[in-house]
């Protein structure tokens, strides 16, 4: 389940080009470059920070926006079966 706290973690990450991913049933924030590593082989990228900021129109969203975004992304991931 994707939570508002995970969305906040993505926005606050100091990683280079961070992305929210699902791997082995766990949601994590990792640098996009890590997706090519053996450790994250098979991971599903949910959203990159830059794309999230573009969708939200800000990098400091309201609590409501965080909740709505988490719910929307969680639904999308569930539909993918990830």
PDB file of N, CA and C in Angstrom:
ATOM      1  N   UNK A   1       0.838  -1.183   0.000  1.00  0.00           N
ATOM      2  CA  UNK A   1       0.000   0.000   0.000  1.00  0.00           C
ATOM      3  C   UNK A   1       0.883   1.246   0.000  1.00  0.00           C
ATOM      4  N   UNK A   2       0.572   2.160  -0.889  1.00  0.00           N
ATOM      5  CA  UNK A   2       1.315   3.410  -0.968  1.00  0.00           C
ATOM      6  C   UNK A   2       0.686   4.403   0.002  1.00  0.00           C
ATOM      7  N   UNK A   3       1.529   5.024   0.803  1.00  0.00           N
ATOM      8  CA  UNK A   3       1.065   5.940   1.839  1.00  0.00           C
ATOM      9  C   UNK A   3       1.477   7.381   1.530  1.00  0.00           C
ATOM     10  N   UNK A   4       0.801   8.331   2.160  1.00  0.00           N
ATOM     11  CA  UNK A   4       1.217   9.728   2.007  1.00  0.00           C
ATOM     12  C   UNK A   4       2.665   9.937   2.467  1.00  0.00           C
ATOM     13  N   UNK A   5       3.090   9.193   3.467  1.00  0.00           N
ATOM     14  CA  UNK A   5       4.463   9.318   3.969  1.00  0.00           C
ATOM     15  C   UNK A   5       5.484   8.890   2.909  1.00  0.00           C
ATOM     16  N   UNK A   6       5.140   7.902   2.102  1.00  0.00           N
ATOM     17  CA  UNK A   6       6.042   7.484   1.029  1.00  0.00           C
ATOM     18  C   UNK A   6       6.109   8.538  -0.066  1.00  0.00           C
ATOM     19  N   UNK A   7       5.003   9.209  -0.315  1.00  0.00           N
ATOM     20  CA  UNK A   7       5.003  10.308  -1.283  1.00  0.00           C
ATOM     21  C   UNK A   7       5.881  11.444  -0.760  1.00  0.00           C
ATOM     22  N   UNK A   8       5.752  11.750   0.525  1.00  0.00           N
ATOM     23  CA  UNK A   8       6.608  12.767   1.150  1.00  0.00           C
ATOM     24  C   UNK A   8       8.075  12.375   1.058  1.00  0.00           C
ATOM     25  N   UNK A   9       8.376  11.098   1.299  1.00  0.00           N
ATOM     26  CA  UNK A   9       9.760  10.621   1.235  1.00  0.00           C
ATOM     27  C   UNK A   9      10.328  10.793  -0.166  1.00  0.00           C
ATOM     28  N   UNK A  10       9.520  10.538  -1.183  1.00  0.00           N
ATOM     29  CA  UNK A  10       9.966  10.741  -2.555  1.00  0.00           C
ATOM     30  C   UNK A  10      10.282  12.212  -2.800  1.00  0.00           C
ATOM     31  N   UNK A  11       9.388  13.084  -2.374  1.00  0.00           N
ATOM     32  CA  UNK A  11       9.594  14.521  -2.586  1.00  0.00           C
ATOM     33  C   UNK A  11      10.801  15.047  -1.811  1.00  0.00           C
ATOM     34  N   UNK A  12      11.071  14.485  -0.641  1.00  0.00           N
ATOM     35  CA  UNK A  12      12.166  14.958   0.213  1.00  0.00           C
ATOM     36  C   UNK A  12      13.500  14.275  -0.071  1.00  0.00           C
ATOM     37  N   UNK A  13      13.488  13.254  -0.902  1.00  0.00           N
ATOM     38  CA  UNK A  13      14.708  12.488  -1.151  1.00  0.00           C
ATOM     39  C   UNK A  13      15.825  13.358  -1.720  1.00  0.00           C
ATOM     40  N   UNK A  14      17.049  13.115  -1.231  1.00  0.00           N
ATOM     41  CA  UNK A  14      18.205  13.816  -1.784  1.00  0.00           C
ATOM     42  C   UNK A  14      18.945  12.932  -2.794  1.00  0.00           C
ATOM     43  N   UNK A  15      18.346  11.805  -3.142  1.00  0.00           N
ATOM     44  CA  UNK A  15      18.939  10.909  -4.143  1.00  0.00           C
ATOM     45  C   UNK A  15      18.902  11.591  -5.512  1.00  0.00           C
ATOM     46  N   UNK A  16      19.799  11.168  -6.380  1.00  0.00           N
ATOM     47  CA  UNK A  16      19.843  11.690  -7.737  1.00  0.00           C
ATOM     48  C   UNK A  16      18.687  11.082  -8.531  1.00  0.00           C
ATOM     49  N   UNK A  17      17.758  11.914  -8.983  1.00  0.00           N
ATOM     50  CA  UNK A  17      16.623  11.480  -9.787  1.00  0.00           C
ATOM     51  C   UNK A  17      15.858  10.334  -9.103  1.00  0.00           C
ATOM     52  N   UNK A  18      15.288  10.584  -7.915  1.00  0.00           N
ATOM     53  CA  UNK A  18      14.615   9.516  -7.176  1.00  0.00           C
ATOM     54  C   UNK A  18      13.299   9.080  -7.811  1.00  0.00           C
ATOM     55  N   UNK A  19      12.959   7.824  -7.546  1.00  0.00           N
ATOM     56  CA  UNK A  19      11.713   7.266  -8.039  1.00  0.00           C
ATOM     57  C   UNK A  19      11.093   6.409  -6.945  1.00  0.00           C
ATOM     58  N   UNK A  20       9.790   6.318  -6.965  1.00  0.00           N
ATOM     59  CA  UNK A  20       9.059   5.432  -6.063  1.00  0.00           C
ATOM     60  C   UNK A  20       8.862   4.133  -6.818  1.00  0.00           C
ATOM     61  N   UNK A  21       9.251   3.021  -6.199  1.00  0.00           N
ATOM     62  CA  UNK A  21       9.161   1.716  -6.863  1.00  0.00           C
ATOM     63  C   UNK A  21       8.474   0.707  -5.958  1.00  0.00           C
ATOM     64  N   UNK A  22       8.046  -0.396  -6.575  1.00  0.00           N
ATOM     65  CA  UNK A  22       7.577  -1.559  -5.831  1.00  0.00           C
ATOM     66  C   UNK A  22       8.493  -2.699  -6.199  1.00  0.00           C
ATOM     67  N   UNK A  23       9.062  -3.339  -5.178  1.00  0.00           N
ATOM     68  CA  UNK A  23       9.906  -4.496  -5.383  1.00  0.00           C
ATOM     69  C   UNK A  23       9.611  -5.511  -4.291  1.00  0.00           C
ATOM     70  N   UNK A  24       9.344  -6.727  -4.686  1.00  0.00           N
ATOM     71  CA  UNK A  24       9.027  -7.801  -3.742  1.00  0.00           C
ATOM     72  C   UNK A  24       7.933  -7.393  -2.762  1.00  0.00           C
ATOM     73  N   UNK A  25       6.933  -6.665  -3.272  1.00  0.00           N
ATOM     74  CA  UNK A  25       5.815  -6.259  -2.441  1.00  0.00           C
ATOM     75  C   UNK A  25       6.073  -5.094  -1.508  1.00  0.00           C
ATOM     76  N   UNK A  26       7.239  -4.459  -1.636  1.00  0.00           N
ATOM     77  CA  UNK A  26       7.616  -3.345  -0.775  1.00  0.00           C
ATOM     78  C   UNK A  26       7.776  -2.082  -1.606  1.00  0.00           C
ATOM     79  N   UNK A  27       7.280  -0.972  -1.078  1.00  0.00           N
ATOM     80  CA  UNK A  27       7.410   0.320  -1.752  1.00  0.00           C
ATOM     81  C   UNK A  27       8.648   1.016  -1.210  1.00  0.00           C
ATOM     82  N   UNK A  28       9.512   1.493  -2.128  1.00  0.00           N
ATOM     83  CA  UNK A  28      10.759   2.144  -1.738  1.00  0.00           C
ATOM     84  C   UNK A  28      11.019   3.353  -2.615  1.00  0.00           C
ATOM     85  N   UNK A  29      11.828   4.265  -2.085  1.00  0.00           N
ATOM     86  CA  UNK A  29      12.345   5.388  -2.867  1.00  0.00           C
ATOM     87  C   UNK A  29      13.803   5.070  -3.162  1.00  0.00           C
ATOM     88  N   UNK A  30      14.152   5.061  -4.445  1.00  0.00           N
ATOM     89  CA  UNK A  30      15.522   4.756  -4.855  1.00  0.00           C
ATOM     90  C   UNK A  30      15.936   5.702  -5.976  1.00  0.00           C
ATOM     91  N   UNK A  31      17.247   5.892  -6.161  1.00  0.00           N
ATOM     92  CA  UNK A  31      17.694   6.670  -7.317  1.00  0.00           C
ATOM     93  C   UNK A  31      17.341   5.910  -8.597  1.00  0.00           C
ATOM     94  N   UNK A  32      16.966   6.618  -9.631  1.00  0.00           N
ATOM     95  CA  UNK A  32      16.604   5.965 -10.894  1.00  0.00           C
ATOM     96  C   UNK A  32      17.730   5.079 -11.406  1.00  0.00           C
ATOM     97  N   UNK A  33      18.958   5.465 -11.170  1.00  0.00           N
ATOM     98  CA  UNK A  33      20.093   4.663 -11.639  1.00  0.00           C
ATOM     99  C   UNK A  33      20.133   3.280 -10.985  1.00  0.00           C
ATOM    100  N   UNK A  34      19.551   3.142  -9.806  1.00  0.00           N
ATOM    101  CA  UNK A  34      19.539   1.852  -9.110  1.00  0.00           C
ATOM    102  C   UNK A  34      18.613   0.846  -9.779  1.00  0.00           C
ATOM    103  N   UNK A  35      17.696   1.323 -10.590  1.00  0.00           N
ATOM    104  CA  UNK A  35      16.754   0.415 -11.242  1.00  0.00           C
ATOM    105  C   UNK A  35      17.434  -0.538 -12.211  1.00  0.00           C
ATOM    106  N   UNK A  36      18.632  -0.184 -12.657  1.00  0.00           N
ATOM    107  CA  UNK A  36      19.383  -1.049 -13.563  1.00  0.00           C
ATOM    108  C   UNK A  36      20.215  -2.079 -12.819  1.00  0.00           C
ATOM    109  N   UNK A  37      20.224  -2.005 -11.498  1.00  0.00           N
ATOM    110  CA  UNK A  37      21.056  -2.923 -10.717  1.00  0.00           C
ATOM    111  C   UNK A  37      20.352  -4.263 -10.510  1.00  0.00           C
ATOM    112  N   UNK A  38      21.133  -5.263 -10.214  1.00  0.00           N
ATOM    113  CA  UNK A  38      20.612  -6.603  -9.940  1.00  0.00           C
ATOM    114  C   UNK A  38      19.633  -6.571  -8.766  1.00  0.00           C
ATOM    115  N   UNK A  39      19.942  -5.757  -7.768  1.00  0.00           N
ATOM    116  CA  UNK A  39      19.114  -5.681  -6.564  1.00  0.00           C
ATOM    117  C   UNK A  39      17.662  -5.321  -6.868  1.00  0.00           C
ATOM    118  N   UNK A  40      17.451  -4.457  -7.853  1.00  0.00           N
ATOM    119  CA  UNK A  40      16.104  -3.999  -8.164  1.00  0.00           C
ATOM    120  C   UNK A  40      15.572  -4.553  -9.490  1.00  0.00           C
ATOM    121  N   UNK A  41      16.187  -5.624  -9.974  1.00  0.00           N
ATOM    122  CA  UNK A  41      15.706  -6.257 -11.202  1.00  0.00           C
ATOM    123  C   UNK A  41      14.261  -6.728 -10.973  1.00  0.00           C
ATOM    124  N   UNK A  42      13.380  -6.368 -11.877  1.00  0.00           N
ATOM    125  CA  UNK A  42      11.980  -6.750 -11.758  1.00  0.00           C
ATOM    126  C   UNK A  42      11.129  -5.758 -10.993  1.00  0.00           C
ATOM    127  N   UNK A  43      11.760  -4.714 -10.443  1.00  0.00           N
ATOM    128  CA  UNK A  43      10.996  -3.693  -9.719  1.00  0.00           C
ATOM    129  C   UNK A  43      10.120  -2.916 -10.698  1.00  0.00           C
ATOM    130  N   UNK A  44       9.007  -2.431 -10.192  1.00  0.00           N
ATOM    131  CA  UNK A  44       8.097  -1.618 -11.001  1.00  0.00           C
ATOM    132  C   UNK A  44       8.233  -0.174 -10.547  1.00  0.00           C
ATOM    133  N   UNK A  45       8.605   0.693 -11.483  1.00  0.00           N
ATOM    134  CA  UNK A  45       8.674   2.115 -11.154  1.00  0.00           C
ATOM    135  C   UNK A  45       7.265   2.678 -11.149  1.00  0.00           C
ATOM    136  N   UNK A  46       6.904   3.289 -10.033  1.00  0.00           N
ATOM    137  CA  UNK A  46       5.576   3.869  -9.903  1.00  0.00           C
ATOM    138  C   UNK A  46       5.571   5.282 -10.459  1.00  0.00           C
ATOM    139  N   UNK A  47       6.496   6.107  -9.951  1.00  0.00           N
ATOM    140  CA  UNK A  47       6.587   7.488 -10.431  1.00  0.00           C
ATOM    141  C   UNK A  47       7.923   8.083 -10.024  1.00  0.00           C
ATOM    142  N   UNK A  48       8.472   8.900 -10.890  1.00  0.00           N
ATOM    143  CA  UNK A  48       9.698   9.646 -10.591  1.00  0.00           C
ATOM    144  C   UNK A  48       9.308  10.960  -9.913  1.00  0.00           C
ATOM    145  N   UNK A  49      10.209  11.484  -9.085  1.00  0.00           N
ATOM    146  CA  UNK A  49       9.907  12.732  -8.382  1.00  0.00           C
ATOM    147  C   UNK A  49       9.561  13.855  -9.351  1.00  0.00           C
ATOM    148  N   UNK A  50      10.325  14.011 -10.422  1.00  0.00           N
ATOM    149  CA  UNK A  50      10.058  15.094 -11.371  1.00  0.00           C
ATOM    150  C   UNK A  50       8.654  14.992 -11.957  1.00  0.00           C
ATOM    151  N   UNK A  51       8.213  13.774 -12.265  1.00  0.00           N
ATOM    152  CA  UNK A  51       6.867  13.576 -12.799  1.00  0.00           C
ATOM    153  C   UNK A  51       5.811  13.884 -11.741  1.00  0.00           C
ATOM    154  N   UNK A  52       6.090  13.493 -10.504  1.00  0.00           N
ATOM    155  CA  UNK A  52       5.158  13.772  -9.412  1.00  0.00           C
ATOM    156  C   UNK A  52       4.999  15.278  -9.201  1.00  0.00           C
ATOM    157  N   UNK A  53       6.117  15.993  -9.166  1.00  0.00           N
ATOM    158  CA  UNK A  53       6.077  17.444  -8.987  1.00  0.00           C
ATOM    159  C   UNK A  53       5.313  18.090 -10.138  1.00  0.00           C
ATOM    160  N   UNK A  54       5.526  17.612 -11.358  1.00  0.00           N
ATOM    161  CA  UNK A  54       4.812  18.161 -12.508  1.00  0.00           C
ATOM    162  C   UNK A  54       3.307  17.927 -12.375  1.00  0.00           C
ATOM    163  N   UNK A  55       2.913  16.751 -11.902  1.00  0.00           N
ATOM    164  CA  UNK A  55       1.490  16.459 -11.723  1.00  0.00           C
ATOM    165  C   UNK A  55       0.872  17.313 -10.627  1.00  0.00           C
ATOM    166  N   UNK A  56       1.607  17.469  -9.525  1.00  0.00           N
ATOM    167  CA  UNK A  56       1.090  18.223  -8.385  1.00  0.00           C
ATOM    168  C   UNK A  56       1.163  19.731  -8.590  1.00  0.00           C
ATOM    169  N   UNK A  57       2.116  20.167  -9.399  1.00  0.00           N
ATOM    170  CA  UNK A  57       2.316  21.596  -9.606  1.00  0.00           C
ATOM    171  C   UNK A  57       3.117  22.245  -8.488  1.00  0.00           C
ATOM    172  N   UNK A  58       3.660  21.434  -7.565  1.00  0.00           N
ATOM    173  CA  UNK A  58       4.448  21.931  -6.443  1.00  0.00           C
ATOM    174  C   UNK A  58       5.262  20.777  -5.863  1.00  0.00           C
ATOM    175  N   UNK A  59       6.340  21.138  -5.170  1.00  0.00           N
ATOM    176  CA  UNK A  59       7.091  20.095  -4.458  1.00  0.00           C
ATOM    177  C   UNK A  59       6.787  20.136  -2.962  1.00  0.00           C
ATOM    178  N   UNK A  60       5.794  20.972  -2.582  1.00  0.00           N
ATOM    179  CA  UNK A  60       5.339  21.064  -1.193  1.00  0.00           C
ATOM    180  C   UNK A  60       3.801  20.967  -1.190  1.00  0.00           C
ATOM    181  N   UNK A  61       3.270  19.781  -1.468  1.00  0.00           N
ATOM    182  CA  UNK A  61       1.821  19.632  -1.549  1.00  0.00           C
ATOM    183  C   UNK A  61       1.154  19.640  -0.175  1.00  0.00           C
ATOM    184  N   UNK A  62      -0.132  19.879  -0.184  1.00  0.00           N
ATOM    185  CA  UNK A  62      -0.916  19.829   1.054  1.00  0.00           C
ATOM    186  C   UNK A  62      -1.067  18.377   1.506  1.00  0.00           C
ATOM    187  N   UNK A  63      -1.461  18.198   2.751  1.00  0.00           N
ATOM    188  CA  UNK A  63      -1.702  16.852   3.276  1.00  0.00           C
ATOM    189  C   UNK A  63      -2.783  16.152   2.449  1.00  0.00           C
ATOM    190  N   UNK A  64      -3.789  16.908   2.064  1.00  0.00           N
ATOM    191  CA  UNK A  64      -4.865  16.340   1.242  1.00  0.00           C
ATOM    192  C   UNK A  64      -4.321  15.853  -0.098  1.00  0.00           C
ATOM    193  N   UNK A  65      -3.471  16.655  -0.731  1.00  0.00           N
ATOM    194  CA  UNK A  65      -2.868  16.254  -2.005  1.00  0.00           C
ATOM    195  C   UNK A  65      -2.026  14.992  -1.835  1.00  0.00           C
ATOM    196  N   UNK A  66      -1.296  14.905  -0.725  1.00  0.00           N
ATOM    197  CA  UNK A  66      -0.487  13.707  -0.460  1.00  0.00           C
ATOM    198  C   UNK A  66      -1.374  12.475  -0.346  1.00  0.00           C
ATOM    199  N   UNK A  67      -2.469  12.598   0.387  1.00  0.00           N
ATOM    200  CA  UNK A  67      -3.393  11.470   0.562  1.00  0.00           C
ATOM    201  C   UNK A  67      -4.032  11.065  -0.757  1.00  0.00           C
ATOM    202  N   UNK A  68      -4.483  12.046  -1.528  1.00  0.00           N
ATOM    203  CA  UNK A  68      -5.125  11.756  -2.813  1.00  0.00           C
ATOM    204  C   UNK A  68      -4.144  11.125  -3.802  1.00  0.00           C
ATOM    205  N   UNK A  69      -2.923  11.627  -3.815  1.00  0.00           N
ATOM    206  CA  UNK A  69      -1.906  11.081  -4.711  1.00  0.00           C
ATOM    207  C   UNK A  69      -1.554   9.656  -4.312  1.00  0.00           C
ATOM    208  N   UNK A  70      -1.381   9.420  -3.031  1.00  0.00           N
ATOM    209  CA  UNK A  70      -1.073   8.069  -2.552  1.00  0.00           C
ATOM    210  C   UNK A  70      -2.190   7.101  -2.931  1.00  0.00           C
ATOM    211  N   UNK A  71      -3.427   7.514  -2.740  1.00  0.00           N
ATOM    212  CA  UNK A  71      -4.563   6.647  -3.070  1.00  0.00           C
ATOM    213  C   UNK A  71      -4.617   6.353  -4.571  1.00  0.00           C
ATOM    214  N   UNK A  72      -4.382   7.373  -5.383  1.00  0.00           N
ATOM    215  CA  UNK A  72      -4.410   7.201  -6.840  1.00  0.00           C
ATOM    216  C   UNK A  72      -3.303   6.254  -7.304  1.00  0.00           C
ATOM    217  N   UNK A  73      -2.098   6.458  -6.790  1.00  0.00           N
ATOM    218  CA  UNK A  73      -0.983   5.606  -7.185  1.00  0.00           C
ATOM    219  C   UNK A  73      -1.169   4.183  -6.665  1.00  0.00           C
ATOM    220  N   UNK A  74      -1.713   4.050  -5.458  1.00  0.00           N
ATOM    221  CA  UNK A  74      -1.957   2.727  -4.915  1.00  0.00           C
ATOM    222  C   UNK A  74      -2.957   1.964  -5.776  1.00  0.00           C
ATOM    223  N   UNK A  75      -3.991   2.639  -6.233  1.00  0.00           N
ATOM    224  CA  UNK A  75      -4.978   2.020  -7.107  1.00  0.00           C
ATOM    225  C   UNK A  75      -4.328   1.571  -8.412  1.00  0.00           C
ATOM    226  N   UNK A  76      -3.488   2.412  -8.975  1.00  0.00           N
ATOM    227  CA  UNK A  76      -2.810   2.066 -10.230  1.00  0.00           C
ATOM    228  C   UNK A  76      -1.908   0.851 -10.045  1.00  0.00           C
ATOM    229  N   UNK A  77      -1.201   0.792  -8.952  1.00  0.00           N
ATOM    230  CA  UNK A  77      -0.311  -0.345  -8.695  1.00  0.00           C
ATOM    231  C   UNK A  77      -1.129  -1.622  -8.487  1.00  0.00           C
ATOM    232  N   UNK A  78      -2.228  -1.508  -7.766  1.00  0.00           N
ATOM    233  CA  UNK A  78      -3.090  -2.668  -7.532  1.00  0.00           C
ATOM    234  C   UNK A  78      -3.632  -3.199  -8.844  1.00  0.00           C
ATOM    235  N   UNK A  79      -4.009  -2.311  -9.743  1.00  0.00           N
ATOM    236  CA  UNK A  79      -4.533  -2.725 -11.038  1.00  0.00           C
ATOM    237  C   UNK A  79      -3.462  -3.404 -11.895  1.00  0.00           C
ATOM    238  N   UNK A  80      -2.206  -3.014 -11.691  1.00  0.00           N
ATOM    239  CA  UNK A  80      -1.101  -3.652 -12.402  1.00  0.00           C
ATOM    240  C   UNK A  80      -0.767  -5.023 -11.815  1.00  0.00           C
ATOM    241  N   UNK A  81      -1.193  -5.231 -10.594  1.00  0.00           N
ATOM    242  CA  UNK A  81      -0.888  -6.492  -9.941  1.00  0.00           C
ATOM    243  C   UNK A  81       0.522  -6.541  -9.404  1.00  0.00           C
ATOM    244  N   UNK A  82       1.139  -5.366  -9.182  1.00  0.00           N
ATOM    245  CA  UNK A  82       2.521  -5.310  -8.695  1.00  0.00           C
ATOM    246  C   UNK A  82       2.581  -5.527  -7.202  1.00  0.00           C
TER     247      UNK A  82
END
